[in-house]
């Protein structure tokens, strides 16, 4: 279901101040999506960190040009993959900002990741990864911003994705609710990061391809 169909937009203008700056940090593991082989398992992703630093223009309901979203993926075999997108390029990063009755302001950011950059995160050729889009949602309530539950990545068909292992993760539509990778927030415990050994909020389930 498209975000616009499930969001209730108030007739009144968004009340947040245009001068207010929000910084949201989030980290965790990956939740299952129901596929036979989950994306993080196939490509060895262990955990993630994300940081959204933004302002928005309430009347126009859009991000300020100096807003940015940073993502860091931790690999099981060691090493990280990082990416940053900025709102100054509206083709790269944009947001849907709605005032939801009784809940607050919902900001859903989308970031188009260049195929050649994303290919490094999965060890594939850039022609085989399609068109990746990072999604990150934030709720603003009582002047405070917290990470929402709609976070992850979806892929559109492009290049040679149909003939690659990425084909099973491709989304039929440009839809931020149809995520192939789901980020699951988790808290640091005893000084250890959620992706470190022994800390698994979402226990892996065995999945077998028939």
Protein backbone atom coordinates (compact mmCIF):
# COMPACT_ATOMS: atom_id res chain seq x y z
CA UNK A 1 0.00 0.00 0.00
CA UNK A 2 1.38 3.36 -0.93
CA UNK A 3 2.37 5.68 1.89
CA UNK A 4 -0.07 8.29 0.62
CA UNK A 5 -2.96 5.89 1.07
CA UNK A 6 -2.19 5.13 4.69
CA UNK A 7 -1.25 8.65 5.80
CA UNK A 8 -3.90 11.06 7.08
CA UNK A 9 -2.85 14.59 6.20
CA UNK A 10 -4.27 17.35 8.36
CA UNK A 11 -5.66 20.40 6.63
CA UNK A 12 -3.72 22.66 8.94
CA UNK A 13 -0.07 23.48 8.28
CA UNK A 14 2.69 21.55 10.01
CA UNK A 15 3.48 23.34 13.25
CA UNK A 16 7.17 22.50 13.59
CA UNK A 17 9.57 25.40 13.30
CA UNK A 18 11.56 25.74 10.09
CA UNK A 19 14.61 26.70 12.19
CA UNK A 20 14.51 23.50 14.22
CA UNK A 21 17.27 21.00 13.44
CA UNK A 22 16.90 17.32 14.25
CA UNK A 23 19.55 14.62 14.56
CA UNK A 24 18.42 10.99 14.79
CA UNK A 25 20.88 8.15 15.41
CA UNK A 26 19.78 4.56 14.93
CA UNK A 27 21.52 1.18 14.94
CA UNK A 28 20.60 -2.46 14.99
CA UNK A 29 20.25 -5.71 13.09
CA UNK A 30 17.99 -6.90 10.27
CA UNK A 31 14.45 -8.26 10.56
CA UNK A 32 13.25 -11.15 8.34
CA UNK A 33 11.20 -10.31 5.24
CA UNK A 34 9.91 -13.83 4.52
CA UNK A 35 12.19 -14.64 1.60
CA UNK A 36 13.79 -18.08 1.28
CA UNK A 37 17.21 -16.49 1.65
CA UNK A 38 17.28 -13.18 3.49
CA UNK A 39 19.32 -10.44 1.87
CA UNK A 40 21.68 -9.82 4.86
CA UNK A 41 22.37 -13.58 5.13
CA UNK A 42 23.20 -13.94 1.44
CA UNK A 43 25.55 -10.98 1.33
CA UNK A 44 27.03 -11.21 4.82
CA UNK A 45 25.57 -8.08 6.41
CA UNK A 46 25.80 -8.16 10.19
CA UNK A 47 24.32 -4.87 11.36
CA UNK A 48 23.82 -1.22 10.51
CA UNK A 49 24.18 2.32 11.83
CA UNK A 50 22.24 5.28 10.45
CA UNK A 51 22.27 9.01 11.17
CA UNK A 52 19.75 11.50 9.82
CA UNK A 53 20.66 15.17 10.32
CA UNK A 54 17.94 17.40 8.93
CA UNK A 55 15.71 20.43 8.91
CA UNK A 56 12.54 20.83 6.87
CA UNK A 57 10.35 23.57 5.55
CA UNK A 58 6.90 23.04 7.12
CA UNK A 59 4.86 24.93 4.54
CA UNK A 60 6.55 23.29 1.56
CA UNK A 61 6.87 19.97 3.40
CA UNK A 62 10.37 19.30 2.05
CA UNK A 63 13.87 18.83 3.41
CA UNK A 64 16.30 21.72 3.70
CA UNK A 65 19.24 21.48 1.24
CA UNK A 66 21.77 20.92 4.05
CA UNK A 67 20.00 17.77 5.33
CA UNK A 68 21.88 14.49 5.00
CA UNK A 69 21.52 10.79 5.74
CA UNK A 70 24.50 8.56 6.54
CA UNK A 71 24.46 4.75 6.51
CA UNK A 72 27.11 2.30 7.70
CA UNK A 73 26.78 -1.45 7.09
CA UNK A 74 28.86 -3.86 9.18
CA UNK A 75 29.93 -7.06 7.43
CA UNK A 76 30.15 -10.46 9.12
CA UNK A 77 33.62 -11.03 7.69
CA UNK A 78 34.83 -7.66 8.94
CA UNK A 79 34.97 -4.19 7.48
CA UNK A 80 32.24 -1.66 6.79
CA UNK A 81 30.46 -0.16 3.82
CA UNK A 82 29.33 3.46 4.12
CA UNK A 83 27.19 5.81 2.09
CA UNK A 84 26.01 9.40 2.49
CA UNK A 85 23.27 11.22 0.60
CA UNK A 86 22.34 14.90 0.70
CA UNK A 87 19.08 16.73 0.14
CA UNK A 88 20.76 19.45 -1.89
CA UNK A 89 20.34 17.09 -4.84
CA UNK A 90 16.59 16.36 -4.92
CA UNK A 91 17.14 13.49 -7.36
CA UNK A 92 19.35 11.82 -4.77
CA UNK A 93 17.45 12.49 -1.51
CA UNK A 94 13.89 13.55 -0.92
CA UNK A 95 11.19 13.12 1.73
CA UNK A 96 7.47 12.73 2.25
CA UNK A 97 6.47 14.83 5.29
CA UNK A 98 2.98 14.48 6.71
CA UNK A 99 1.22 15.51 9.92
CA UNK A 100 -0.56 12.37 11.17
CA UNK A 101 -3.58 13.06 13.35
CA UNK A 102 -2.94 12.17 16.99
CA UNK A 103 0.57 10.82 16.37
CA UNK A 104 2.87 13.60 15.22
CA UNK A 105 4.83 14.46 12.09
CA UNK A 106 6.01 11.54 9.97
CA UNK A 107 9.10 12.13 7.85
CA UNK A 108 9.94 9.36 5.36
CA UNK A 109 13.28 9.98 3.65
CA UNK A 110 14.30 8.22 0.46
CA UNK A 111 17.88 8.16 -0.81
CA UNK A 112 18.79 6.90 -4.29
CA UNK A 113 22.09 5.01 -4.08
CA UNK A 114 24.19 4.90 -7.28
CA UNK A 115 24.57 1.32 -8.49
CA UNK A 116 28.36 1.59 -8.69
CA UNK A 117 28.48 2.62 -5.02
CA UNK A 118 26.07 -0.04 -3.77
CA UNK A 119 27.85 -2.80 -5.70
CA UNK A 120 30.74 -2.57 -3.23
CA UNK A 121 28.41 -3.52 -0.37
CA UNK A 122 27.44 -6.85 -1.94
CA UNK A 123 30.49 -7.71 -3.99
CA UNK A 124 28.67 -7.68 -7.33
CA UNK A 125 29.06 -5.85 -10.62
CA UNK A 126 27.25 -2.51 -10.74
CA UNK A 127 25.09 -3.73 -13.64
CA UNK A 128 23.67 -6.50 -11.44
CA UNK A 129 22.27 -4.57 -8.46
CA UNK A 130 19.44 -2.65 -10.10
CA UNK A 131 18.47 0.71 -8.62
CA UNK A 132 18.80 0.67 -4.79
CA UNK A 133 16.86 3.11 -2.63
CA UNK A 134 17.47 3.64 1.09
CA UNK A 135 14.39 4.45 3.20
CA UNK A 136 14.51 5.96 6.69
CA UNK A 137 11.51 7.21 8.66
CA UNK A 138 11.37 9.55 11.65
CA UNK A 139 8.55 10.61 13.98
CA UNK A 140 8.55 14.13 15.43
CA UNK A 141 6.53 14.50 18.63
CA UNK A 142 6.65 17.31 21.18
CA UNK A 143 9.70 18.78 19.50
CA UNK A 144 11.68 15.53 19.62
CA UNK A 145 12.59 13.24 16.70
CA UNK A 146 12.90 9.46 16.99
CA UNK A 147 13.50 6.74 14.42
CA UNK A 148 10.36 5.14 12.99
CA UNK A 149 9.81 1.52 12.02
CA UNK A 150 9.85 2.03 8.25
CA UNK A 151 13.57 1.66 7.55
CA UNK A 152 15.47 -0.36 4.99
CA UNK A 153 16.27 -0.73 1.29
CA UNK A 154 14.31 -1.66 -1.81
CA UNK A 155 15.52 -2.35 -5.33
CA UNK A 156 14.05 -1.53 -8.72
CA UNK A 157 14.87 -3.48 -11.84
CA UNK A 158 17.69 -2.05 -13.89
CA UNK A 159 20.76 -3.27 -15.72
CA UNK A 160 21.29 -7.03 -15.42
CA UNK A 161 19.41 -7.53 -12.15
CA UNK A 162 17.06 -10.10 -13.75
CA UNK A 163 19.96 -12.44 -14.42
CA UNK A 164 21.73 -11.92 -11.06
CA UNK A 165 21.18 -13.21 -7.53
CA UNK A 166 19.58 -9.84 -6.81
CA UNK A 167 16.52 -10.69 -8.92
CA UNK A 168 14.58 -12.20 -6.01
CA UNK A 169 14.92 -8.93 -4.06
CA UNK A 170 13.65 -6.60 -6.79
CA UNK A 171 10.45 -4.66 -6.07
CA UNK A 172 7.82 -4.34 -8.84
CA UNK A 173 7.04 -0.73 -7.95
CA UNK A 174 8.78 2.38 -6.68
CA UNK A 175 7.30 1.85 -3.21
CA UNK A 176 9.03 2.64 0.12
CA UNK A 177 6.78 0.14 1.92
CA UNK A 178 8.01 -2.79 -0.22
CA UNK A 179 11.39 -3.23 1.46
CA UNK A 180 13.77 -6.08 0.64
CA UNK A 181 16.03 -5.23 3.58
CA UNK A 182 14.43 -4.33 6.92
CA UNK A 183 16.37 -2.43 9.56
CA UNK A 184 15.49 -3.46 13.12
CA UNK A 185 16.53 -1.01 15.85
CA UNK A 186 18.29 -2.52 18.86
CA UNK A 187 19.77 -0.97 21.98
CA UNK A 188 23.39 -1.26 23.04
CA UNK A 189 23.72 -3.63 25.99
CA UNK A 190 26.60 -3.61 28.50
CA UNK A 191 28.61 -1.40 26.18
CA UNK A 192 28.35 -3.85 23.27
CA UNK A 193 26.88 -2.98 19.90
CA UNK A 194 23.76 -4.91 18.81
CA UNK A 195 25.55 -6.60 15.89
CA UNK A 196 28.31 -8.00 18.12
CA UNK A 197 28.31 -11.64 19.13
CA UNK A 198 25.67 -12.75 21.63
CA UNK A 199 23.25 -9.91 21.04
CA UNK A 200 20.42 -10.93 18.70
CA UNK A 201 17.02 -9.36 19.17
CA UNK A 202 15.81 -11.08 16.01
CA UNK A 203 16.91 -14.71 16.08
CA UNK A 204 17.75 -16.07 12.61
CA UNK A 205 15.32 -18.63 11.25
CA UNK A 206 16.52 -21.51 9.05
CA UNK A 207 15.35 -21.02 5.48
CA UNK A 208 15.84 -23.53 2.71
CA UNK A 209 15.32 -23.14 -1.01
CA UNK A 210 13.06 -26.01 -2.20
